[in-house]
Amino acid sequence: MNDKTVKRKNLSEEVASRIKSYIIENSLRMGDRLPTEFEFAELFGVSRVIIREATKALGFLGILNSAPKRGLTVGEVDMKRVTQYLGFHFALNDYPREKLLKTRMILEVGALGEVIEKMARDPEIYSRFRGIISTLETSRDADEFIRHDMEFHRALIEASDIDPLVAFNDLLDVFFRRFREEILEVQGDWKVNVQGHRNIIDALRDGKLTEAQELIRLHLSNYKKAD
């Protein structure tokens, strides 16, 4: 890749960012029409080729739609694609343990209020967690235990039904893969660890938000002790 190609790529990324800012600043919503490629080129002082590259990238994530005669319109973000790229981003970058732990803490603790509300309306959510805990109890080896432990924490965030939070769920995959040995050290007695998971969902079922949050914080703070 030569310098000219790199510069063009950086420029198209900058233009994509400016288009997103344009949508926000003008309070546009899904289906609203956007300026044409020519108008964007004039507005940002770049070529239509750069505009086309930027809009194609935004279109892949669902942020923009492009149709003959209708032109560019605001789309709806495809959260599945966003999730895939976030997961790849976390896997590719060597984030320090402390940052991964803080991110997990914010995600999981922050999700619990919504989980309580969803669980109160749908008892099947609690039953699902009980099922996962049963698989934790009957795990035959460390890898199986870790797989079901990760399933529990993914389900916790998914139960919030908040798409932007769920988009970060692949961070858990990275965390559990990167820190396998430390996770085993922290887990120690599996029976005690399983009971800790059970206490969390019981607190959620009983509507005890503060207690559930403290249990998650305690569970995750154990990883700091393994540093």
Protein backbone atom coordinates (compact mmCIF):
# COMPACT_ATOMS: atom_id res chain seq x y z
CA MET A 1 0.00 0.00 0.00
CA ASN A 2 1.64 3.26 -1.09
CA ASP A 3 1.47 6.65 0.66
CA LYS A 4 -1.20 7.92 -1.72
CA THR A 5 -3.48 4.98 -0.92
CA VAL A 6 -2.95 5.45 2.81
CA LYS A 7 -3.77 9.15 2.62
CA ARG A 8 -6.94 8.43 0.64
CA LYS A 9 -8.01 5.81 3.18
CA ASN A 10 -7.45 8.22 6.06
CA LEU A 11 -9.39 10.92 4.23
CA SER A 12 -12.36 8.63 3.54
CA GLU A 13 -12.43 7.67 7.24
CA GLU A 14 -12.39 11.34 8.21
CA VAL A 15 -15.25 12.05 5.80
CA ALA A 16 -17.24 9.10 7.19
CA SER A 17 -16.83 10.61 10.65
CA ARG A 18 -18.00 14.02 9.38
CA ILE A 19 -21.06 12.46 7.75
CA LYS A 20 -22.00 10.85 11.06
CA SER A 21 -21.57 14.22 12.75
CA TYR A 22 -23.76 15.81 10.07
CA ILE A 23 -26.55 13.32 10.85
CA ILE A 24 -26.34 13.99 14.59
CA GLU A 25 -26.04 17.77 14.34
CA ASN A 26 -29.08 17.96 12.06
CA SER A 27 -31.13 15.60 14.27
CA LEU A 28 -31.81 13.30 11.32
CA ARG A 29 -33.70 10.04 11.80
CA MET A 30 -33.99 6.77 9.93
CA GLY A 31 -35.36 7.35 6.43
CA ASP A 32 -34.43 11.05 6.30
CA ARG A 33 -32.75 12.12 3.08
CA LEU A 34 -29.13 13.21 3.04
CA PRO A 35 -27.23 15.48 0.63
CA THR A 36 -26.17 13.90 -2.64
CA GLU A 37 -22.61 12.70 -3.25
CA PHE A 38 -21.98 15.89 -5.20
CA GLU A 39 -23.35 18.07 -2.39
CA PHE A 40 -21.30 16.24 0.24
CA ALA A 41 -18.20 16.63 -1.95
CA GLU A 42 -18.83 20.38 -2.15
CA LEU A 43 -19.56 20.60 1.58
CA PHE A 44 -16.41 18.77 2.67
CA GLY A 45 -14.14 19.91 -0.15
CA VAL A 46 -13.21 16.41 -1.34
CA SER A 47 -13.77 14.33 -4.48
CA ARG A 48 -16.89 12.26 -5.11
CA VAL A 49 -14.64 9.17 -5.07
CA ILE A 50 -13.80 9.87 -1.42
CA ILE A 51 -17.48 10.48 -0.62
CA ARG A 52 -18.39 7.18 -2.30
CA GLU A 53 -15.79 5.28 -0.27
CA ALA A 54 -17.02 6.86 2.96
CA THR A 55 -20.69 6.20 2.27
CA LYS A 56 -19.94 2.60 1.26
CA ALA A 57 -18.27 1.99 4.62
CA LEU A 58 -21.19 3.58 6.48
CA GLY A 59 -23.64 1.62 4.35
CA PHE A 60 -21.99 -1.67 5.35
CA LEU A 61 -22.84 -0.96 8.98
CA GLY A 62 -26.37 0.11 8.06
CA ILE A 63 -25.81 3.75 8.97
CA LEU A 64 -26.68 4.87 5.44
CA ASN A 65 -28.90 3.51 2.68
CA SER A 66 -28.35 4.22 -0.99
CA ALA A 67 -31.04 3.64 -3.61
CA PRO A 68 -31.47 4.69 -7.27
CA LYS A 69 -33.41 7.95 -7.68
CA ARG A 70 -33.90 8.27 -3.92
CA GLY A 71 -30.20 8.81 -3.18
CA LEU A 72 -28.70 8.63 0.30
CA THR A 73 -30.90 8.25 3.36
CA VAL A 74 -30.24 7.60 7.04
CA GLY A 75 -30.38 3.87 7.75
CA GLU A 76 -30.62 1.69 10.84
CA VAL A 77 -27.37 0.43 12.35
CA ASP A 78 -26.88 -3.32 11.87
CA MET A 79 -25.92 -4.28 15.44
CA LYS A 80 -24.86 -7.81 14.42
CA ARG A 81 -22.22 -6.41 12.12
CA VAL A 82 -21.14 -3.88 14.74
CA THR A 83 -20.78 -6.70 17.26
CA GLN A 84 -18.62 -8.74 14.89
CA TYR A 85 -16.27 -5.83 14.33
CA LEU A 86 -16.07 -4.92 18.02
CA GLY A 87 -15.19 -8.52 18.85
CA PHE A 88 -12.43 -8.47 16.26
CA HIS A 89 -11.19 -5.14 17.58
CA PHE A 90 -10.91 -6.48 21.13
CA ALA A 91 -9.16 -9.63 19.92
CA LEU A 92 -6.67 -7.71 17.79
CA ASN A 93 -5.64 -5.14 20.37
CA ASP A 94 -3.64 -6.11 23.44
CA TYR A 95 -5.74 -4.35 26.06
CA PRO A 96 -4.34 -4.38 29.61
CA ARG A 97 -6.14 -6.60 32.12
CA GLU A 98 -7.22 -3.57 34.16
CA LYS A 99 -9.06 -2.00 31.21
CA LEU A 100 -10.79 -5.26 30.33
CA LEU A 101 -11.86 -5.71 33.94
CA LYS A 102 -13.19 -2.15 34.19
CA THR A 103 -15.12 -2.61 30.96
CA ARG A 104 -16.63 -5.86 32.20
CA MET A 105 -17.54 -4.22 35.51
CA ILE A 106 -19.33 -1.32 33.79
CA LEU A 107 -21.17 -3.58 31.33
CA GLU A 108 -22.34 -6.24 33.76
CA VAL A 109 -23.16 -4.00 36.72
CA GLY A 110 -24.88 -1.53 34.41
CA ALA A 111 -27.05 -4.22 32.84
CA LEU A 112 -28.52 -5.54 36.09
CA GLY A 113 -31.29 -2.95 36.53
CA GLU A 114 -32.80 -3.90 33.18
CA VAL A 115 -32.30 -7.61 33.86
CA ILE A 116 -34.34 -7.31 37.05
CA GLU A 117 -37.21 -5.68 35.19
CA LYS A 118 -37.13 -8.27 32.39
CA MET A 119 -36.90 -11.15 34.85
CA ALA A 120 -39.90 -9.84 36.81
CA ARG A 121 -42.01 -9.94 33.63
CA ASP A 122 -40.61 -13.19 32.25
CA PRO A 123 -39.84 -16.04 34.71
CA GLU A 124 -38.26 -18.02 31.87
CA ILE A 125 -35.20 -15.79 32.11
CA TYR A 126 -34.52 -17.03 35.63
CA SER A 127 -35.09 -20.61 34.49
CA ARG A 128 -32.56 -20.13 31.71
CA PHE A 129 -29.94 -18.99 34.20
CA ARG A 130 -30.69 -21.97 36.43
CA GLY A 131 -30.08 -24.21 33.43
CA ILE A 132 -26.70 -22.62 32.78
CA ILE A 133 -25.73 -23.01 36.42
CA SER A 134 -26.65 -26.69 36.24
CA THR A 135 -24.18 -27.11 33.39
CA LEU A 136 -21.55 -25.33 35.48
CA GLU A 137 -22.10 -27.81 38.30
CA THR A 138 -21.70 -30.84 36.04
CA SER A 139 -18.66 -29.59 34.11
CA ARG A 140 -16.15 -32.38 33.57
CA ASP A 141 -13.04 -30.26 33.09
CA ALA A 142 -11.71 -26.72 33.23
CA ASP A 143 -12.40 -25.87 29.61
CA GLU A 144 -16.02 -26.94 29.90
CA PHE A 145 -16.45 -24.94 33.10
CA ILE A 146 -14.98 -21.82 31.49
CA ARG A 147 -17.25 -22.25 28.46
CA HIS A 148 -20.37 -22.36 30.63
CA ASP A 149 -19.09 -19.55 32.86
CA MET A 150 -18.74 -17.37 29.76
CA GLU A 151 -22.23 -18.44 28.67
CA PHE A 152 -23.60 -17.22 32.02
CA HIS A 153 -22.03 -13.78 31.73
CA ARG A 154 -23.03 -13.38 28.08
CA ALA A 155 -26.61 -14.29 29.01
CA LEU A 156 -26.52 -11.72 31.80
CA ILE A 157 -25.84 -8.88 29.37
CA GLU A 158 -28.21 -10.27 26.71
CA ALA A 159 -31.02 -10.45 29.29
CA SER A 160 -30.88 -6.65 29.59
CA ASP A 161 -32.16 -6.52 25.98
CA ILE A 162 -30.15 -3.34 25.42
CA ASP A 163 -28.60 -3.71 21.97
CA PRO A 164 -25.68 -1.30 22.48
CA LEU A 165 -24.62 -3.28 25.56
CA VAL A 166 -24.99 -6.61 23.80
CA ALA A 167 -22.74 -5.30 21.03
CA PHE A 168 -19.86 -5.42 23.51
CA ASN A 169 -20.54 -9.00 24.55
CA ASP A 170 -17.70 -10.39 22.44
CA LEU A 171 -15.34 -8.71 24.88
CA LEU A 172 -16.13 -11.65 27.17
CA ASP A 173 -14.80 -14.11 24.60
CA VAL A 174 -11.53 -12.19 24.46
CA PHE A 175 -11.30 -11.97 28.24
CA PHE A 176 -11.93 -15.67 28.85
CA ARG A 177 -9.50 -16.74 26.10
CA ARG A 178 -6.69 -14.41 27.08
CA PHE A 179 -6.82 -15.03 30.82
CA ARG A 180 -7.66 -18.74 30.94
CA GLU A 181 -5.03 -19.67 33.53
CA GLU A 182 -5.81 -16.68 35.73
CA ILE A 183 -9.52 -17.49 35.52
CA LEU A 184 -8.87 -21.01 36.77
CA GLU A 185 -6.80 -19.61 39.62
CA VAL A 186 -9.52 -17.16 40.59
CA GLN A 187 -12.32 -19.70 40.37
CA GLY A 188 -10.62 -22.02 42.86
CA ASP A 189 -13.30 -24.21 44.35
CA TRP A 190 -15.84 -24.70 41.56
CA LYS A 191 -18.70 -25.37 44.00
CA VAL A 192 -18.11 -22.04 45.72
CA ASN A 193 -17.92 -20.31 42.36
CA VAL A 194 -21.19 -21.90 41.22
CA GLN A 195 -22.90 -20.76 44.42
CA GLY A 196 -21.73 -17.22 43.71
CA HIS A 197 -23.47 -17.34 40.32
CA ARG A 198 -26.59 -18.71 41.96
CA ASN A 199 -26.59 -15.89 44.53
CA ILE A 200 -26.47 -13.32 41.70
CA ILE A 201 -29.53 -14.62 39.87
CA ASP A 202 -31.45 -15.17 43.12
CA ALA A 203 -30.86 -11.52 44.04
CA LEU A 204 -32.06 -10.48 40.58
CA ARG A 205 -35.16 -12.66 40.88
CA ASP A 206 -35.94 -11.09 44.26
CA GLY A 207 -35.52 -7.57 42.89
CA LYS A 208 -32.48 -6.82 45.06
CA LEU A 209 -30.52 -4.64 42.66
CA THR A 210 -27.92 -3.31 45.11
CA GLU A 211 -27.16 -6.81 46.38
CA ALA A 212 -26.82 -8.19 42.84
CA GLN A 213 -24.50 -5.33 41.86
CA GLU A 214 -22.29 -5.92 44.90
CA LEU A 215 -22.13 -9.64 44.13
CA ILE A 216 -20.98 -8.94 40.56
CA ARG A 217 -18.39 -6.43 41.80
CA LEU A 218 -17.11 -8.97 44.33
CA HIS A 219 -16.99 -11.68 41.67
CA LEU A 220 -15.00 -9.54 39.23
CA SER A 221 -12.75 -7.95 41.86
CA ASN A 222 -11.31 -11.40 42.53
CA TYR A 223 -9.42 -11.14 39.24
CA LYS A 224 -7.47 -8.18 40.60
CA LYS A 225 -6.13 -10.41 43.36
CA ALA A 226 -4.56 -12.66 40.74
CA ASP A 227 -2.40 -9.83 39.33
